[in-house]
């Protein structure tokens, strides 16, 4: 059960962190996917765990876009 909680929160948190720090749209997504695949051996995890991680990554990406757009408006 704890691996599902980590699979739900880690990609979400990484997306928001990298988006806030890097000020780009797609680089945080790429970094998060690379960390999940190679750092946590994502391709060898059970399918339900992968699905939870993908959904969490998508939600984090969408919220990260909101942060990016707010930051872009503040700079101008």
C-alpha atoms as a PDB file:
ATOM      1  CA  UNK A   1       0.000   0.000   0.000  1.00  0.00           C
ATOM      2  CA  UNK A   2       2.817   2.420   0.746  1.00  0.00           C
ATOM      3  CA  UNK A   3       4.243   2.003  -2.759  1.00  0.00           C
ATOM      4  CA  UNK A   4       0.949   3.276  -4.192  1.00  0.00           C
ATOM      5  CA  UNK A   5       1.120   6.347  -1.981  1.00  0.00           C
ATOM      6  CA  UNK A   6       4.685   7.015  -3.106  1.00  0.00           C
ATOM      7  CA  UNK A   7       3.691   6.395  -6.744  1.00  0.00           C
ATOM      8  CA  UNK A   8       0.895   8.939  -6.377  1.00  0.00           C
ATOM      9  CA  UNK A   9       2.808  11.674  -4.546  1.00  0.00           C
ATOM     10  CA  UNK A  10       6.362  11.474  -5.916  1.00  0.00           C
ATOM     11  CA  UNK A  11       5.707  12.309  -9.601  1.00  0.00           C
ATOM     12  CA  UNK A  12       3.262  15.037  -8.574  1.00  0.00           C
ATOM     13  CA  UNK A  13       5.790  16.595  -6.220  1.00  0.00           C
ATOM     14  CA  UNK A  14       8.663  16.319  -8.676  1.00  0.00           C
ATOM     15  CA  UNK A  15       6.632  17.974 -11.427  1.00  0.00           C
ATOM     16  CA  UNK A  16       5.706  20.910  -9.232  1.00  0.00           C
ATOM     17  CA  UNK A  17       9.209  21.283  -7.827  1.00  0.00           C
ATOM     18  CA  UNK A  18      10.983  21.227 -11.172  1.00  0.00           C
ATOM     19  CA  UNK A  19       8.387  23.478 -12.793  1.00  0.00           C
ATOM     20  CA  UNK A  20       8.775  26.035 -10.038  1.00  0.00           C
ATOM     21  CA  UNK A  21      12.573  25.989 -10.245  1.00  0.00           C
ATOM     22  CA  UNK A  22      13.243  25.643 -14.000  1.00  0.00           C
ATOM     23  CA  UNK A  23      10.571  28.017 -15.419  1.00  0.00           C
ATOM     24  CA  UNK A  24       9.941  25.834 -18.483  1.00  0.00           C
ATOM     25  CA  UNK A  25       6.980  23.817 -19.746  1.00  0.00           C
ATOM     26  CA  UNK A  26       8.283  20.441 -20.844  1.00  0.00           C
ATOM     27  CA  UNK A  27      11.692  19.993 -19.194  1.00  0.00           C
ATOM     28  CA  UNK A  28      10.162  19.135 -15.779  1.00  0.00           C
ATOM     29  CA  UNK A  29       8.071  16.429 -17.467  1.00  0.00           C
ATOM     30  CA  UNK A  30      11.148  14.927 -19.116  1.00  0.00           C
ATOM     31  CA  UNK A  31      13.184  15.013 -15.903  1.00  0.00           C
ATOM     32  CA  UNK A  32      10.354  13.434 -13.908  1.00  0.00           C
ATOM     33  CA  UNK A  33       9.894  10.628 -16.432  1.00  0.00           C
ATOM     34  CA  UNK A  34      13.631   9.900 -16.522  1.00  0.00           C
ATOM     35  CA  UNK A  35      13.789   9.790 -12.708  1.00  0.00           C
ATOM     36  CA  UNK A  36      10.780   7.474 -12.528  1.00  0.00           C
ATOM     37  CA  UNK A  37      12.029   5.105 -15.220  1.00  0.00           C
ATOM     38  CA  UNK A  38      15.691   4.864 -14.316  1.00  0.00           C
ATOM     39  CA  UNK A  39      15.807   5.905 -10.663  1.00  0.00           C
ATOM     40  CA  UNK A  40      12.883   3.838  -9.441  1.00  0.00           C
ATOM     41  CA  UNK A  41      12.962   1.079 -12.087  1.00  0.00           C
ATOM     42  CA  UNK A  42       9.549   2.118 -13.338  1.00  0.00           C
ATOM     43  CA  UNK A  43       9.361  -0.267 -16.278  1.00  0.00           C
ATOM     44  CA  UNK A  44       9.631  -3.318 -14.018  1.00  0.00           C
ATOM     45  CA  UNK A  45       6.933  -2.226 -11.563  1.00  0.00           C
ATOM     46  CA  UNK A  46       3.433  -3.782 -11.588  1.00  0.00           C
ATOM     47  CA  UNK A  47       0.994  -2.282 -14.095  1.00  0.00           C
ATOM     48  CA  UNK A  48      -1.412  -0.750 -11.508  1.00  0.00           C
ATOM     49  CA  UNK A  49       1.535   1.038  -9.912  1.00  0.00           C
ATOM     50  CA  UNK A  50       2.625   2.376 -13.305  1.00  0.00           C
ATOM     51  CA  UNK A  51      -0.895   3.611 -14.020  1.00  0.00           C
ATOM     52  CA  UNK A  52      -1.032   5.478 -10.695  1.00  0.00           C
ATOM     53  CA  UNK A  53       2.346   7.082 -11.453  1.00  0.00           C
ATOM     54  CA  UNK A  54       1.260   8.130 -14.958  1.00  0.00           C
ATOM     55  CA  UNK A  55      -1.960   9.694 -13.689  1.00  0.00           C
ATOM     56  CA  UNK A  56      -0.041  11.515 -10.976  1.00  0.00           C
ATOM     57  CA  UNK A  57       2.480  12.763 -13.540  1.00  0.00           C
ATOM     58  CA  UNK A  58      -0.299  14.077 -15.787  1.00  0.00           C
ATOM     59  CA  UNK A  59      -1.979  15.901 -12.896  1.00  0.00           C
ATOM     60  CA  UNK A  60       1.366  17.361 -11.843  1.00  0.00           C
ATOM     61  CA  UNK A  61       2.038  18.467 -15.411  1.00  0.00           C
ATOM     62  CA  UNK A  62      -1.319  20.230 -15.671  1.00  0.00           C
ATOM     63  CA  UNK A  63      -0.821  22.017 -12.351  1.00  0.00           C
ATOM     64  CA  UNK A  64       2.729  22.846 -13.392  1.00  0.00           C
ATOM     65  CA  UNK A  65       1.394  24.538 -16.520  1.00  0.00           C
ATOM     66  CA  UNK A  66      -0.787  26.725 -14.314  1.00  0.00           C
ATOM     67  CA  UNK A  67       2.286  27.700 -12.283  1.00  0.00           C
ATOM     68  CA  UNK A  68       4.242  28.377 -15.492  1.00  0.00           C
ATOM     69  CA  UNK A  69       1.514  30.637 -16.869  1.00  0.00           C
ATOM     70  CA  UNK A  70       1.301  32.588 -13.594  1.00  0.00           C
ATOM     71  CA  UNK A  71       5.077  33.058 -13.559  1.00  0.00           C
ATOM     72  CA  UNK A  72       5.077  34.138 -17.198  1.00  0.00           C
ATOM     73  CA  UNK A  73       2.487  36.838 -16.480  1.00  0.00           C
ATOM     74  CA  UNK A  74       4.472  38.156 -13.502  1.00  0.00           C
ATOM     75  CA  UNK A  75       7.668  38.547 -15.563  1.00  0.00           C
ATOM     76  CA  UNK A  76       6.024  40.756 -18.188  1.00  0.00           C
END
